[in-house]
Structures are given as C-alpha cells and as structure tokens.
Amino acid sequence: MEIKGLNFNCTCGVCPEQYDVFDDNGYIVGYVRLRWGVLTCEYPNVGGKCIYHTSIGDGWTGCFENEEQRMEHLSNIADKILENIGA
C-alpha cells in the first residue's frame, strides 16, 4: 500500500504484522513490526535506528485491530521515515 509516496509491503499479516517500506526509487527505507503489543519502525532496515516505538493493545497483540488504527500508525511512521530521509 502506498502512504505519502512510500510503499509499505506487508511481509507478514499477523503475529507479527510487519512491513518493508520502500521509497519511490525502490530502496528500502524502513522495517515495521507489530509484535507482543509493541509497534516499531527501524530505519533504514532491520537493525537500524528505531525511529518509531509505541504500545498497541496488550502484550499479546500481533496485528492492528482495524484499518483505521493501521492507517493512523503507518501514516505516522511514513512521516518519521520522510524526516529521516530528509524529504
């Protein structure tokens, strides 16, 4: 799905729900994961700098509760990624 010019590619739908994020040139610019009730985004990839961190649901939550929640958080993450890119 495209959010703010970034392509969020879902690599796993539940437990954890996770995404690789690509810019418009096809470069990976983020790794998003929701597992054990913690949503994080690492930039530019797995093991990179954590640029987003929040708790969602309980300690067992491994996916967003609904599309509204998903879009709210992924939009916030897109903003953080774009800040780090310098866009």
PDB file of N, CA and C in Angstrom:
ATOM      1  N   MET A   1       0.832  -1.169   0.000  1.00  0.00           N
ATOM      2  CA  MET A   1       0.000   0.000   0.000  1.00  0.00           C
ATOM      3  C   MET A   1       0.884   1.243   0.000  1.00  0.00           C
ATOM      4  N   GLU A   2       0.448   2.270  -0.665  1.00  0.00           N
ATOM      5  CA  GLU A   2       1.236   3.496  -0.738  1.00  0.00           C
ATOM      6  C   GLU A   2       0.710   4.511   0.267  1.00  0.00           C
ATOM      7  N   ILE A   3       1.627   5.060   1.054  1.00  0.00           N
ATOM      8  CA  ILE A   3       1.298   6.090   2.036  1.00  0.00           C
ATOM      9  C   ILE A   3       2.348   7.177   1.912  1.00  0.00           C
ATOM     10  N   LYS A   4       1.901   8.385   1.582  1.00  0.00           N
ATOM     11  CA  LYS A   4       2.775   9.556   1.479  1.00  0.00           C
ATOM     12  C   LYS A   4       3.972   9.315   0.565  1.00  0.00           C
ATOM     13  N   GLY A   5       3.739   8.587  -0.523  1.00  0.00           N
ATOM     14  CA  GLY A   5       4.786   8.325  -1.502  1.00  0.00           C
ATOM     15  C   GLY A   5       5.698   7.157  -1.165  1.00  0.00           C
ATOM     16  N   LEU A   6       5.452   6.488  -0.046  1.00  0.00           N
ATOM     17  CA  LEU A   6       6.238   5.316   0.353  1.00  0.00           C
ATOM     18  C   LEU A   6       5.401   4.060   0.146  1.00  0.00           C
ATOM     19  N   ASN A   7       6.055   2.973  -0.266  1.00  0.00           N
ATOM     20  CA  ASN A   7       5.372   1.713  -0.490  1.00  0.00           C
ATOM     21  C   ASN A   7       5.573   0.794   0.710  1.00  0.00           C
ATOM     22  N   PHE A   8       4.493   0.515   1.434  1.00  0.00           N
ATOM     23  CA  PHE A   8       4.515  -0.389   2.575  1.00  0.00           C
ATOM     24  C   PHE A   8       4.152  -1.780   2.067  1.00  0.00           C
ATOM     25  N   ASN A   9       5.141  -2.679   2.012  1.00  0.00           N
ATOM     26  CA  ASN A   9       4.958  -4.033   1.511  1.00  0.00           C
ATOM     27  C   ASN A   9       4.794  -4.982   2.698  1.00  0.00           C
ATOM     28  N   CYS A  10       3.573  -5.490   2.892  1.00  0.00           N
ATOM     29  CA  CYS A  10       3.303  -6.401   4.008  1.00  0.00           C
ATOM     30  C   CYS A  10       4.010  -7.728   3.759  1.00  0.00           C
ATOM     31  N   THR A  11       4.911  -8.087   4.669  1.00  0.00           N
ATOM     32  CA  THR A  11       5.650  -9.340   4.538  1.00  0.00           C
ATOM     33  C   THR A  11       5.106 -10.427   5.452  1.00  0.00           C
ATOM     34  N   CYS A  12       4.262 -10.023   6.423  1.00  0.00           N
ATOM     35  CA  CYS A  12       3.609 -10.979   7.315  1.00  0.00           C
ATOM     36  C   CYS A  12       2.375 -10.284   7.872  1.00  0.00           C
ATOM     37  N   GLY A  13       1.229 -10.961   7.827  1.00  0.00           N
ATOM     38  CA  GLY A  13      -0.026 -10.331   8.193  1.00  0.00           C
ATOM     39  C   GLY A  13      -0.399 -10.377   9.657  1.00  0.00           C
ATOM     40  N   VAL A  14       0.175 -11.297  10.410  1.00  0.00           N
ATOM     41  CA  VAL A  14      -0.212 -11.397  11.815  1.00  0.00           C
ATOM     42  C   VAL A  14       0.881 -12.122  12.603  1.00  0.00           C
ATOM     43  N   CYS A  15       1.104 -11.651  13.805  1.00  0.00           N
ATOM     44  CA  CYS A  15       1.990 -12.272  14.810  1.00  0.00           C
ATOM     45  C   CYS A  15       3.383 -12.603  14.304  1.00  0.00           C
ATOM     46  N   PRO A  16       4.145 -11.672  13.830  1.00  0.00           N
ATOM     47  CA  PRO A  16       3.906 -10.230  13.821  1.00  0.00           C
ATOM     48  C   PRO A  16       3.336  -9.745  12.491  1.00  0.00           C
ATOM     49  N   GLU A  17       2.623  -8.625  12.554  1.00  0.00           N
ATOM     50  CA  GLU A  17       2.289  -7.910  11.325  1.00  0.00           C
ATOM     51  C   GLU A  17       3.521  -7.068  11.018  1.00  0.00           C
ATOM     52  N   GLN A  18       4.058  -7.207   9.821  1.00  0.00           N
ATOM     53  CA  GLN A  18       5.292  -6.480   9.515  1.00  0.00           C
ATOM     54  C   GLN A  18       5.326  -6.030   8.059  1.00  0.00           C
ATOM     55  N   TYR A  19       6.118  -4.981   7.829  1.00  0.00           N
ATOM     56  CA  TYR A  19       6.209  -4.354   6.514  1.00  0.00           C
ATOM     57  C   TYR A  19       7.656  -3.975   6.223  1.00  0.00           C
ATOM     58  N   ASP A  20       8.045  -4.139   4.962  1.00  0.00           N
ATOM     59  CA  ASP A  20       9.239  -3.499   4.434  1.00  0.00           C
ATOM     60  C   ASP A  20       8.737  -2.254   3.726  1.00  0.00           C
ATOM     61  N   VAL A  21       9.429  -1.134   3.921  1.00  0.00           N
ATOM     62  CA  VAL A  21       8.994   0.133   3.340  1.00  0.00           C
ATOM     63  C   VAL A  21      10.032   0.583   2.311  1.00  0.00           C
ATOM     64  N   PHE A  22       9.547   0.948   1.116  1.00  0.00           N
ATOM     65  CA  PHE A  22      10.417   1.343   0.016  1.00  0.00           C
ATOM     66  C   PHE A  22      10.092   2.757  -0.447  1.00  0.00           C
ATOM     67  N   ASP A  23      11.131   3.487  -0.870  1.00  0.00           N
ATOM     68  CA  ASP A  23      10.910   4.810  -1.446  1.00  0.00           C
ATOM     69  C   ASP A  23      10.520   4.661  -2.912  1.00  0.00           C
ATOM     70  N   ASP A  24      10.333   5.786  -3.599  1.00  0.00           N
ATOM     71  CA  ASP A  24       9.883   5.717  -4.992  1.00  0.00           C
ATOM     72  C   ASP A  24      10.961   5.232  -5.957  1.00  0.00           C
ATOM     73  N   ASN A  25      12.207   5.095  -5.481  1.00  0.00           N
ATOM     74  CA  ASN A  25      13.279   4.525  -6.298  1.00  0.00           C
ATOM     75  C   ASN A  25      13.477   3.035  -6.036  1.00  0.00           C
ATOM     76  N   GLY A  26      12.669   2.468  -5.138  1.00  0.00           N
ATOM     77  CA  GLY A  26      12.765   1.047  -4.841  1.00  0.00           C
ATOM     78  C   GLY A  26      13.757   0.693  -3.744  1.00  0.00           C
ATOM     79  N   TYR A  27      14.310   1.721  -3.061  1.00  0.00           N
ATOM     80  CA  TYR A  27      15.252   1.473  -1.961  1.00  0.00           C
ATOM     81  C   TYR A  27      14.493   1.248  -0.660  1.00  0.00           C
ATOM     82  N   ILE A  28      14.955   0.286   0.128  1.00  0.00           N
ATOM     83  CA  ILE A  28      14.321   0.041   1.411  1.00  0.00           C
ATOM     84  C   ILE A  28      14.670   1.179   2.370  1.00  0.00           C
ATOM     85  N   VAL A  29      13.636   1.708   3.017  1.00  0.00           N
ATOM     86  CA  VAL A  29      13.829   2.845   3.917  1.00  0.00           C
ATOM     87  C   VAL A  29      13.186   2.614   5.285  1.00  0.00           C
ATOM     88  N   GLY A  30      12.673   1.414   5.524  1.00  0.00           N
ATOM     89  CA  GLY A  30      12.083   1.145   6.829  1.00  0.00           C
ATOM     90  C   GLY A  30      11.657  -0.296   6.988  1.00  0.00           C
ATOM     91  N   TYR A  31      11.655  -0.721   8.228  1.00  0.00           N
ATOM     92  CA  TYR A  31      11.160  -2.045   8.618  1.00  0.00           C
ATOM     93  C   TYR A  31      10.199  -1.829   9.772  1.00  0.00           C
ATOM     94  N   VAL A  32       8.946  -2.226   9.589  1.00  0.00           N
ATOM     95  CA  VAL A  32       7.888  -2.011  10.578  1.00  0.00           C
ATOM     96  C   VAL A  32       7.441  -3.363  11.111  1.00  0.00           C
ATOM     97  N   ARG A  33       7.285  -3.434  12.444  1.00  0.00           N
ATOM     98  CA  ARG A  33       6.840  -4.696  13.039  1.00  0.00           C
ATOM     99  C   ARG A  33       5.965  -4.432  14.246  1.00  0.00           C
ATOM    100  N   LEU A  34       4.840  -5.141  14.315  1.00  0.00           N
ATOM    101  CA  LEU A  34       3.954  -5.118  15.477  1.00  0.00           C
ATOM    102  C   LEU A  34       3.933  -6.514  16.074  1.00  0.00           C
ATOM    103  N   ARG A  35       4.556  -6.651  17.233  1.00  0.00           N
ATOM    104  CA  ARG A  35       4.638  -7.949  17.907  1.00  0.00           C
ATOM    105  C   ARG A  35       4.673  -7.729  19.410  1.00  0.00           C
ATOM    106  N   TRP A  36       4.023  -8.616  20.147  1.00  0.00           N
ATOM    107  CA  TRP A  36       3.969  -8.554  21.611  1.00  0.00           C
ATOM    108  C   TRP A  36       3.463  -7.196  22.099  1.00  0.00           C
ATOM    109  N   GLY A  37       2.546  -6.587  21.308  1.00  0.00           N
ATOM    110  CA  GLY A  37       1.949  -5.316  21.711  1.00  0.00           C
ATOM    111  C   GLY A  37       2.831  -4.105  21.498  1.00  0.00           C
ATOM    112  N   VAL A  38       3.932  -4.259  20.772  1.00  0.00           N
ATOM    113  CA  VAL A  38       4.859  -3.148  20.526  1.00  0.00           C
ATOM    114  C   VAL A  38       5.016  -2.949  19.021  1.00  0.00           C
ATOM    115  N   LEU A  39       4.748  -1.721  18.579  1.00  0.00           N
ATOM    116  CA  LEU A  39       4.924  -1.358  17.181  1.00  0.00           C
ATOM    117  C   LEU A  39       6.200  -0.545  17.052  1.00  0.00           C
ATOM    118  N   THR A  40       7.097  -0.986  16.183  1.00  0.00           N
ATOM    119  CA  THR A  40       8.359  -0.275  15.962  1.00  0.00           C
ATOM    120  C   THR A  40       8.602  -0.076  14.473  1.00  0.00           C
ATOM    121  N   CYS A  41       9.417   0.941  14.189  1.00  0.00           N
ATOM    122  CA  CYS A  41       9.950   1.117  12.841  1.00  0.00           C
ATOM    123  C   CYS A  41      11.434   1.362  12.978  1.00  0.00           C
ATOM    124  N   GLU A  42      12.208   0.565  12.265  1.00  0.00           N
ATOM    125  CA  GLU A  42      13.660   0.732  12.228  1.00  0.00           C
ATOM    126  C   GLU A  42      14.037   1.308  10.876  1.00  0.00           C
ATOM    127  N   TYR A  43      14.953   2.255  10.893  1.00  0.00           N
ATOM    128  CA  TYR A  43      15.386   2.953   9.677  1.00  0.00           C
ATOM    129  C   TYR A  43      16.870   2.780   9.493  1.00  0.00           C
ATOM    130  N   PRO A  44      17.342   2.427   8.333  1.00  0.00           N
ATOM    131  CA  PRO A  44      16.595   2.194   7.111  1.00  0.00           C
ATOM    132  C   PRO A  44      16.114   0.757   6.945  1.00  0.00           C
ATOM    133  N   ASN A  45      16.517  -0.148   7.840  1.00  0.00           N
ATOM    134  CA  ASN A  45      16.151  -1.549   7.696  1.00  0.00           C
ATOM    135  C   ASN A  45      16.268  -2.236   9.045  1.00  0.00           C
ATOM    136  N   VAL A  46      16.070  -3.521   9.080  1.00  0.00           N
ATOM    137  CA  VAL A  46      16.191  -4.309  10.309  1.00  0.00           C
ATOM    138  C   VAL A  46      17.540  -4.032  10.965  1.00  0.00           C
ATOM    139  N   GLY A  47      17.509  -3.753  12.257  1.00  0.00           N
ATOM    140  CA  GLY A  47      18.747  -3.492  12.990  1.00  0.00           C
ATOM    141  C   GLY A  47      19.202  -2.051  12.908  1.00  0.00           C
ATOM    142  N   GLY A  48      18.466  -1.227  12.170  1.00  0.00           N
ATOM    143  CA  GLY A  48      18.818   0.189  12.067  1.00  0.00           C
ATOM    144  C   GLY A  48      18.295   0.971  13.259  1.00  0.00           C
ATOM    145  N   LYS A  49      18.324   2.271  13.127  1.00  0.00           N
ATOM    146  CA  LYS A  49      17.875   3.175  14.189  1.00  0.00           C
ATOM    147  C   LYS A  49      16.363   3.055  14.377  1.00  0.00           C
ATOM    148  N   CYS A  50      15.924   2.899  15.629  1.00  0.00           N
ATOM    149  CA  CYS A  50      14.488   2.849  15.926  1.00  0.00           C
ATOM    150  C   CYS A  50      13.951   4.281  15.883  1.00  0.00           C
ATOM    151  N   ILE A  51      13.056   4.543  14.919  1.00  0.00           N
ATOM    152  CA  ILE A  51      12.521   5.896  14.761  1.00  0.00           C
ATOM    153  C   ILE A  51      11.060   6.000  15.188  1.00  0.00           C
ATOM    154  N   TYR A  52      10.437   4.863  15.525  1.00  0.00           N
ATOM    155  CA  TYR A  52       9.035   4.865  15.981  1.00  0.00           C
ATOM    156  C   TYR A  52       8.862   3.697  16.929  1.00  0.00           C
ATOM    157  N   HIS A  53       8.207   3.969  18.066  1.00  0.00           N
ATOM    158  CA  HIS A  53       8.006   2.941  19.087  1.00  0.00           C
ATOM    159  C   HIS A  53       6.764   3.305  19.882  1.00  0.00           C
ATOM    160  N   THR A  54       5.793   2.403  19.915  1.00  0.00           N
ATOM    161  CA  THR A  54       4.586   2.637  20.707  1.00  0.00           C
ATOM    162  C   THR A  54       3.953   1.309  21.090  1.00  0.00           C
ATOM    163  N   SER A  55       3.165   1.331  22.153  1.00  0.00           N
ATOM    164  CA  SER A  55       2.434   0.141  22.590  1.00  0.00           C
ATOM    165  C   SER A  55       1.049   0.132  21.967  1.00  0.00           C
ATOM    166  N   ILE A  56       0.611  -1.063  21.569  1.00  0.00           N
ATOM    167  CA  ILE A  56      -0.720  -1.250  20.988  1.00  0.00           C
ATOM    168  C   ILE A  56      -1.338  -2.486  21.626  1.00  0.00           C
ATOM    169  N   GLY A  57      -2.551  -2.346  22.109  1.00  0.00           N
ATOM    170  CA  GLY A  57      -3.261  -3.487  22.687  1.00  0.00           C
ATOM    171  C   GLY A  57      -2.579  -3.995  23.945  1.00  0.00           C
ATOM    172  N   ASP A  58      -2.609  -5.307  24.099  1.00  0.00           N
ATOM    173  CA  ASP A  58      -1.975  -5.914  25.268  1.00  0.00           C
ATOM    174  C   ASP A  58      -0.655  -6.568  24.857  1.00  0.00           C
ATOM    175  N   GLY A  59      -0.059  -7.270  25.756  1.00  0.00           N
ATOM    176  CA  GLY A  59       1.227  -7.897  25.485  1.00  0.00           C
ATOM    177  C   GLY A  59       1.179  -9.025  24.463  1.00  0.00           C
ATOM    178  N   TRP A  60      -0.011  -9.371  24.007  1.00  0.00           N
ATOM    179  CA  TRP A  60      -0.155 -10.448  23.025  1.00  0.00           C
ATOM    180  C   TRP A  60      -0.471  -9.937  21.624  1.00  0.00           C
ATOM    181  N   THR A  61      -0.714  -8.645  21.485  1.00  0.00           N
ATOM    182  CA  THR A  61      -1.146  -8.084  20.205  1.00  0.00           C
ATOM    183  C   THR A  61      -0.071  -8.250  19.138  1.00  0.00           C
ATOM    184  N   GLY A  62      -0.473  -8.832  18.001  1.00  0.00           N
ATOM    185  CA  GLY A  62       0.465  -9.067  16.913  1.00  0.00           C
ATOM    186  C   GLY A  62      -0.030  -8.542  15.576  1.00  0.00           C
ATOM    187  N   CYS A  63      -1.156  -7.796  15.612  1.00  0.00           N
ATOM    188  CA  CYS A  63      -1.669  -7.172  14.398  1.00  0.00           C
ATOM    189  C   CYS A  63      -2.554  -5.997  14.803  1.00  0.00           C
ATOM    190  N   PHE A  64      -2.760  -5.095  13.862  1.00  0.00           N
ATOM    191  CA  PHE A  64      -3.625  -3.953  14.142  1.00  0.00           C
ATOM    192  C   PHE A  64      -5.055  -4.430  14.352  1.00  0.00           C
ATOM    193  N   GLU A  65      -5.804  -3.688  15.180  1.00  0.00           N
ATOM    194  CA  GLU A  65      -7.180  -4.063  15.499  1.00  0.00           C
ATOM    195  C   GLU A  65      -8.143  -3.768  14.353  1.00  0.00           C
ATOM    196  N   ASN A  66      -7.828  -2.742  13.545  1.00  0.00           N
ATOM    197  CA  ASN A  66      -8.709  -2.384  12.431  1.00  0.00           C
ATOM    198  C   ASN A  66      -7.929  -1.515  11.436  1.00  0.00           C
ATOM    199  N   GLU A  67      -8.542  -1.234  10.312  1.00  0.00           N
ATOM    200  CA  GLU A  67      -7.875  -0.483   9.254  1.00  0.00           C
ATOM    201  C   GLU A  67      -7.597   0.964   9.673  1.00  0.00           C
ATOM    202  N   GLU A  68      -8.490   1.536  10.451  1.00  0.00           N
ATOM    203  CA  GLU A  68      -8.288   2.916  10.918  1.00  0.00           C
ATOM    204  C   GLU A  68      -7.020   3.022  11.774  1.00  0.00           C
ATOM    205  N   GLN A  69      -6.850   2.088  12.694  1.00  0.00           N
ATOM    206  CA  GLN A  69      -5.657   2.070  13.543  1.00  0.00           C
ATOM    207  C   GLN A  69      -4.403   1.848  12.703  1.00  0.00           C
ATOM    208  N   ARG A  70      -4.484   0.925  11.740  1.00  0.00           N
ATOM    209  CA  ARG A  70      -3.351   0.637  10.860  1.00  0.00           C
ATOM    210  C   ARG A  70      -2.934   1.902  10.112  1.00  0.00           C
ATOM    211  N   MET A  71      -3.891   2.569   9.484  1.00  0.00           N
ATOM    212  CA  MET A  71      -3.572   3.747   8.680  1.00  0.00           C
ATOM    213  C   MET A  71      -3.044   4.897   9.537  1.00  0.00           C
ATOM    214  N   GLU A  72      -3.562   5.062  10.741  1.00  0.00           N
ATOM    215  CA  GLU A  72      -3.070   6.116  11.632  1.00  0.00           C
ATOM    216  C   GLU A  72      -1.588   5.901  11.951  1.00  0.00           C
ATOM    217  N   HIS A  73      -1.242   4.704  12.365  1.00  0.00           N
ATOM    218  CA  HIS A  73       0.143   4.436  12.758  1.00  0.00           C
ATOM    219  C   HIS A  73       1.093   4.393  11.561  1.00  0.00           C
ATOM    220  N   LEU A  74       0.675   3.770  10.467  1.00  0.00           N
ATOM    221  CA  LEU A  74       1.554   3.719   9.304  1.00  0.00           C
ATOM    222  C   LEU A  74       1.761   5.105   8.701  1.00  0.00           C
ATOM    223  N   SER A  75       0.768   5.963   8.789  1.00  0.00           N
ATOM    224  CA  SER A  75       0.925   7.349   8.337  1.00  0.00           C
ATOM    225  C   SER A  75       1.923   8.094   9.214  1.00  0.00           C
ATOM    226  N   ASN A  76       1.841   7.891  10.523  1.00  0.00           N
ATOM    227  CA  ASN A  76       2.813   8.495  11.441  1.00  0.00           C
ATOM    228  C   ASN A  76       4.220   7.978  11.160  1.00  0.00           C
ATOM    229  N   ILE A  77       4.328   6.694  10.877  1.00  0.00           N
ATOM    230  CA  ILE A  77       5.624   6.096  10.546  1.00  0.00           C
ATOM    231  C   ILE A  77       6.159   6.673   9.240  1.00  0.00           C
ATOM    232  N   ALA A  78       5.287   6.852   8.256  1.00  0.00           N
ATOM    233  CA  ALA A  78       5.724   7.454   6.987  1.00  0.00           C
ATOM    234  C   ALA A  78       6.318   8.832   7.239  1.00  0.00           C
ATOM    235  N   ASP A  79       5.690   9.624   8.107  1.00  0.00           N
ATOM    236  CA  ASP A  79       6.227  10.954   8.448  1.00  0.00           C
ATOM    237  C   ASP A  79       7.640  10.842   9.036  1.00  0.00           C
ATOM    238  N   LYS A  80       7.832   9.887   9.941  1.00  0.00           N
ATOM    239  CA  LYS A  80       9.143   9.697  10.577  1.00  0.00           C
ATOM    240  C   LYS A  80      10.201   9.266   9.557  1.00  0.00           C
ATOM    241  N   ILE A  81       9.821   8.362   8.658  1.00  0.00           N
ATOM    242  CA  ILE A  81      10.753   7.920   7.631  1.00  0.00           C
ATOM    243  C   ILE A  81      11.146   9.105   6.734  1.00  0.00           C
ATOM    244  N   LEU A  82      10.154   9.869   6.307  1.00  0.00           N
ATOM    245  CA  LEU A  82      10.427  11.017   5.439  1.00  0.00           C
ATOM    246  C   LEU A  82      11.318  12.046   6.133  1.00  0.00           C
ATOM    247  N   GLU A  83      11.139  12.236   7.442  1.00  0.00           N
ATOM    248  CA  GLU A  83      12.027  13.130   8.208  1.00  0.00           C
ATOM    249  C   GLU A  83      13.467  12.621   8.139  1.00  0.00           C
ATOM    250  N   ASN A  84      13.640  11.314   8.290  1.00  0.00           N
ATOM    251  CA  ASN A  84      14.983  10.731   8.290  1.00  0.00           C
ATOM    252  C   ASN A  84      15.619  10.750   6.907  1.00  0.00           C
ATOM    253  N   ILE A  85      14.814  10.623   5.878  1.00  0.00           N
ATOM    254  CA  ILE A  85      15.321  10.710   4.513  1.00  0.00           C
ATOM    255  C   ILE A  85      15.747  12.144   4.203  1.00  0.00           C
ATOM    256  N   GLY A  86      15.060  13.084   4.853  1.00  0.00           N
ATOM    257  CA  GLY A  86      15.321  14.488   4.588  1.00  0.00           C
ATOM    258  C   GLY A  86      14.403  15.050   3.516  1.00  0.00           C
ATOM    259  N   ALA A  87      13.281  14.357   3.315  1.00  0.00           N
ATOM    260  CA  ALA A  87      12.317  14.797   2.286  1.00  0.00           C
ATOM    261  C   ALA A  87      11.434  15.906   2.811  1.00  0.00           C
TER     262      ALA A  87
END
